Amino acid sequence: MREPHVFRLAQAAALLGVSDDTLRRWADAGRVPTTVDADGRRAVEGPVLAAFAVALAGDPSGPSRVSARNSFAGIVTRVLRGDVVSQVEVQAGPHRLVSLLSTEAVDELGLAPGVPATASVKSTNVVLELP
């Protein structure tokens, strides 16, 4: 039987899109089980990391249900307002997403720099929703 792949905390954190410090805090709190690798450093086994990544992505039966599978929680960094259409930029970890939507929708959602938003990507469209 093959041994599971083991990720050092820095590698695991990069795969999860969080900082090394965040993953260490989660591990210290018992949220992520760790092991010790061959060099004596803390690590996370591949199957454990995969299960945690799925859990971290959120519960699909939660209150906000949408058909888009690629959702990026982030923060609005820029809004370029037009008379009819506006451009909204969201920074979600290392990802910058840009959405074009009606200025009326921007106003109704209260989108402005500093507002948390989730960008849901489906095909070539980006749909914004508030948490």
C-alpha atoms as a PDB file:
ATOM      1  CA  MET A   1       0.000   0.000   0.000  1.00  0.00           C
ATOM      2  CA  ARG A   2       1.263   3.446  -0.933  1.00  0.00           C
ATOM      3  CA  GLU A   3       2.003   6.083   1.736  1.00  0.00           C
ATOM      4  CA  PRO A   4      -0.168   9.226   1.515  1.00  0.00           C
ATOM      5  CA  HIS A   5       1.447  12.396   0.183  1.00  0.00           C
ATOM      6  CA  VAL A   6       2.495  14.722   2.994  1.00  0.00           C
ATOM      7  CA  PHE A   7       2.459  18.529   2.694  1.00  0.00           C
ATOM      8  CA  ARG A   8       4.488  20.877   4.863  1.00  0.00           C
ATOM      9  CA  LEU A   9       2.356  23.571   6.447  1.00  0.00           C
ATOM     10  CA  ALA A  10       3.539  26.264   4.012  1.00  0.00           C
ATOM     11  CA  GLN A  11       2.607  24.070   1.036  1.00  0.00           C
ATOM     12  CA  ALA A  12      -0.755  23.165   2.556  1.00  0.00           C
ATOM     13  CA  ALA A  13      -1.511  26.816   3.331  1.00  0.00           C
ATOM     14  CA  ALA A  14      -0.758  27.814  -0.270  1.00  0.00           C
ATOM     15  CA  LEU A  15      -3.110  25.120  -1.560  1.00  0.00           C
ATOM     16  CA  LEU A  16      -5.866  26.358   0.764  1.00  0.00           C
ATOM     17  CA  GLY A  17      -5.260  30.010  -0.140  1.00  0.00           C
ATOM     18  CA  VAL A  18      -4.463  31.062   3.440  1.00  0.00           C
ATOM     19  CA  SER A  19      -1.313  32.263   5.182  1.00  0.00           C
ATOM     20  CA  ASP A  20       1.105  29.918   6.936  1.00  0.00           C
ATOM     21  CA  ASP A  21       0.178  31.589  10.231  1.00  0.00           C
ATOM     22  CA  THR A  22      -3.526  30.941   9.704  1.00  0.00           C
ATOM     23  CA  LEU A  23      -2.938  27.262   9.039  1.00  0.00           C
ATOM     24  CA  ARG A  24      -0.659  27.016  12.097  1.00  0.00           C
ATOM     25  CA  ARG A  25      -3.371  28.578  14.283  1.00  0.00           C
ATOM     26  CA  TRP A  26      -5.936  26.127  12.892  1.00  0.00           C
ATOM     27  CA  ALA A  27      -3.550  23.240  13.543  1.00  0.00           C
ATOM     28  CA  ASP A  28      -2.790  24.474  17.083  1.00  0.00           C
ATOM     29  CA  ALA A  29      -6.539  24.675  17.752  1.00  0.00           C
ATOM     30  CA  GLY A  30      -6.984  21.081  16.545  1.00  0.00           C
ATOM     31  CA  ARG A  31      -8.981  22.108  13.505  1.00  0.00           C
ATOM     32  CA  VAL A  32      -6.466  20.508  11.126  1.00  0.00           C
ATOM     33  CA  PRO A  33      -4.729  17.303  12.253  1.00  0.00           C
ATOM     34  CA  THR A  34      -0.981  17.411  11.631  1.00  0.00           C
ATOM     35  CA  THR A  35       1.839  14.915  11.645  1.00  0.00           C
ATOM     36  CA  VAL A  36       5.633  15.183  11.599  1.00  0.00           C
ATOM     37  CA  ASP A  37       7.442  14.638   8.287  1.00  0.00           C
ATOM     38  CA  ALA A  38      10.777  12.870   7.760  1.00  0.00           C
ATOM     39  CA  ASP A  39      12.649  16.128   8.499  1.00  0.00           C
ATOM     40  CA  GLY A  40      10.833  16.611  11.827  1.00  0.00           C
ATOM     41  CA  ARG A  41       8.593  19.439  10.572  1.00  0.00           C
ATOM     42  CA  ARG A  42       4.841  19.694  11.021  1.00  0.00           C
ATOM     43  CA  ALA A  43       2.907  18.530   8.017  1.00  0.00           C
ATOM     44  CA  VAL A  44      -0.557  17.542   6.842  1.00  0.00           C
ATOM     45  CA  GLU A  45      -1.286  14.248   5.114  1.00  0.00           C
ATOM     46  CA  GLY A  46      -2.829  14.594   1.637  1.00  0.00           C
ATOM     47  CA  PRO A  47      -6.165  12.892   2.401  1.00  0.00           C
ATOM     48  CA  VAL A  48      -6.580  14.987   5.571  1.00  0.00           C
ATOM     49  CA  LEU A  49      -5.831  18.191   3.635  1.00  0.00           C
ATOM     50  CA  ALA A  50      -8.252  17.232   0.867  1.00  0.00           C
ATOM     51  CA  ALA A  51     -11.076  16.609   3.356  1.00  0.00           C
ATOM     52  CA  PHE A  52     -10.326  19.881   5.159  1.00  0.00           C
ATOM     53  CA  ALA A  53     -10.302  21.819   1.858  1.00  0.00           C
ATOM     54  CA  VAL A  54     -13.742  20.467   1.017  1.00  0.00           C
ATOM     55  CA  ALA A  55     -15.061  21.375   4.491  1.00  0.00           C
ATOM     56  CA  LEU A  56     -13.461  24.817   4.261  1.00  0.00           C
ATOM     57  CA  ALA A  57     -15.197  25.481   0.932  1.00  0.00           C
ATOM     58  CA  GLY A  58     -18.486  25.582   2.797  1.00  0.00           C
ATOM     59  CA  ASP A  59     -21.566  23.532   3.335  1.00  0.00           C
ATOM     60  CA  PRO A  60     -23.496  23.242   0.046  1.00  0.00           C
ATOM     61  CA  SER A  61     -26.773  22.951   1.963  1.00  0.00           C
ATOM     62  CA  GLY A  62     -26.261  26.353   3.598  1.00  0.00           C
ATOM     63  CA  PRO A  63     -28.719  29.246   3.315  1.00  0.00           C
ATOM     64  CA  SER A  64     -27.265  30.690   0.096  1.00  0.00           C
ATOM     65  CA  ARG A  65     -27.718  28.178  -2.697  1.00  0.00           C
ATOM     66  CA  VAL A  66     -26.651  28.938  -6.246  1.00  0.00           C
ATOM     67  CA  SER A  67     -25.909  26.748  -9.249  1.00  0.00           C
ATOM     68  CA  ALA A  68     -22.457  28.248  -9.851  1.00  0.00           C
ATOM     69  CA  ARG A  69     -19.760  25.971  -8.477  1.00  0.00           C
ATOM     70  CA  ASN A  70     -16.816  28.398  -8.539  1.00  0.00           C
ATOM     71  CA  SER A  71     -17.397  30.920  -5.768  1.00  0.00           C
ATOM     72  CA  PHE A  72     -14.703  33.274  -4.546  1.00  0.00           C
ATOM     73  CA  ALA A  73     -15.300  35.112  -1.265  1.00  0.00           C
ATOM     74  CA  GLY A  74     -13.481  38.414  -1.310  1.00  0.00           C
ATOM     75  CA  ILE A  75     -13.683  42.145  -0.927  1.00  0.00           C
ATOM     76  CA  VAL A  76     -14.727  44.831  -3.405  1.00  0.00           C
ATOM     77  CA  THR A  77     -11.631  46.847  -4.305  1.00  0.00           C
ATOM     78  CA  ARG A  78     -12.935  49.151  -7.031  1.00  0.00           C
ATOM     79  CA  VAL A  79     -16.196  50.280  -8.591  1.00  0.00           C
ATOM     80  CA  LEU A  80     -16.177  52.166 -11.887  1.00  0.00           C
ATOM     81  CA  ARG A  81     -19.670  53.603 -12.240  1.00  0.00           C
ATOM     82  CA  GLY A  82     -21.285  54.265 -15.573  1.00  0.00           C
ATOM     83  CA  ASP A  83     -24.719  55.660 -16.391  1.00  0.00           C
ATOM     84  CA  VAL A  84     -26.109  52.195 -17.142  1.00  0.00           C
ATOM     85  CA  VAL A  85     -23.320  49.650 -16.536  1.00  0.00           C
ATOM     86  CA  SER A  86     -20.651  49.566 -13.834  1.00  0.00           C
ATOM     87  CA  GLN A  87     -17.447  47.591 -13.443  1.00  0.00           C
ATOM     88  CA  VAL A  88     -16.825  45.983 -10.046  1.00  0.00           C
ATOM     89  CA  GLU A  89     -13.489  44.455  -9.050  1.00  0.00           C
ATOM     90  CA  VAL A  90     -13.259  41.850  -6.287  1.00  0.00           C
ATOM     91  CA  GLN A  91     -10.017  40.612  -4.738  1.00  0.00           C
ATOM     92  CA  ALA A  92     -10.448  37.039  -3.484  1.00  0.00           C
ATOM     93  CA  GLY A  93      -7.136  35.847  -2.091  1.00  0.00           C
ATOM     94  CA  PRO A  94      -4.734  35.884  -5.041  1.00  0.00           C
ATOM     95  CA  HIS A  95      -7.589  36.183  -7.534  1.00  0.00           C
ATOM     96  CA  ARG A  96      -8.802  39.480  -9.011  1.00  0.00           C
ATOM     97  CA  LEU A  97     -12.241  39.141 -10.554  1.00  0.00           C
ATOM     98  CA  VAL A  98     -14.003  41.800 -12.608  1.00  0.00           C
ATOM     99  CA  SER A  99     -17.743  41.895 -13.185  1.00  0.00           C
ATOM    100  CA  LEU A 100     -19.831  44.131 -15.394  1.00  0.00           C
ATOM    101  CA  LEU A 101     -23.314  44.661 -14.013  1.00  0.00           C
ATOM    102  CA  SER A 102     -26.010  47.267 -14.127  1.00  0.00           C
ATOM    103  CA  THR A 103     -25.401  50.398 -12.093  1.00  0.00           C
ATOM    104  CA  GLU A 104     -28.847  49.835 -10.606  1.00  0.00           C
ATOM    105  CA  ALA A 105     -27.675  46.432  -9.259  1.00  0.00           C
ATOM    106  CA  VAL A 106     -24.499  48.031  -7.841  1.00  0.00           C
ATOM    107  CA  ASP A 107     -26.669  50.535  -5.972  1.00  0.00           C
ATOM    108  CA  GLU A 108     -29.160  47.915  -4.737  1.00  0.00           C
ATOM    109  CA  LEU A 109     -26.351  45.689  -3.429  1.00  0.00           C
ATOM    110  CA  GLY A 110     -24.486  48.628  -1.924  1.00  0.00           C
ATOM    111  CA  LEU A 111     -21.274  47.574  -3.664  1.00  0.00           C
ATOM    112  CA  ALA A 112     -18.355  49.860  -2.846  1.00  0.00           C
ATOM    113  CA  PRO A 113     -14.674  49.432  -1.987  1.00  0.00           C
ATOM    114  CA  GLY A 114     -14.350  47.591   1.322  1.00  0.00           C
ATOM    115  CA  VAL A 115     -17.650  45.678   1.057  1.00  0.00           C
ATOM    116  CA  PRO A 116     -17.323  41.877   1.330  1.00  0.00           C
ATOM    117  CA  ALA A 117     -18.780  40.059  -1.667  1.00  0.00           C
ATOM    118  CA  THR A 118     -18.671  36.627  -3.249  1.00  0.00           C
ATOM    119  CA  ALA A 119     -17.924  36.373  -6.952  1.00  0.00           C
ATOM    120  CA  SER A 120     -19.568  33.299  -8.466  1.00  0.00           C
ATOM    121  CA  VAL A 121     -18.126  32.308 -11.812  1.00  0.00           C
ATOM    122  CA  LYS A 122     -20.235  30.320 -14.242  1.00  0.00           C
ATOM    123  CA  SER A 123     -18.964  30.034 -17.798  1.00  0.00           C
ATOM    124  CA  THR A 124     -18.101  33.562 -18.946  1.00  0.00           C
ATOM    125  CA  ASN A 125     -20.301  35.356 -16.403  1.00  0.00           C
ATOM    126  CA  VAL A 126     -19.403  36.593 -12.930  1.00  0.00           C
ATOM    127  CA  VAL A 127     -22.340  36.877 -10.519  1.00  0.00           C
ATOM    128  CA  LEU A 128     -21.881  38.879  -7.294  1.00  0.00           C
ATOM    129  CA  GLU A 129     -23.729  38.052  -4.090  1.00  0.00           C
ATOM    130  CA  LEU A 130     -23.458  39.371  -0.572  1.00  0.00           C
ATOM    131  CA  PRO A 131     -22.613  36.991   2.300  1.00  0.00           C
END
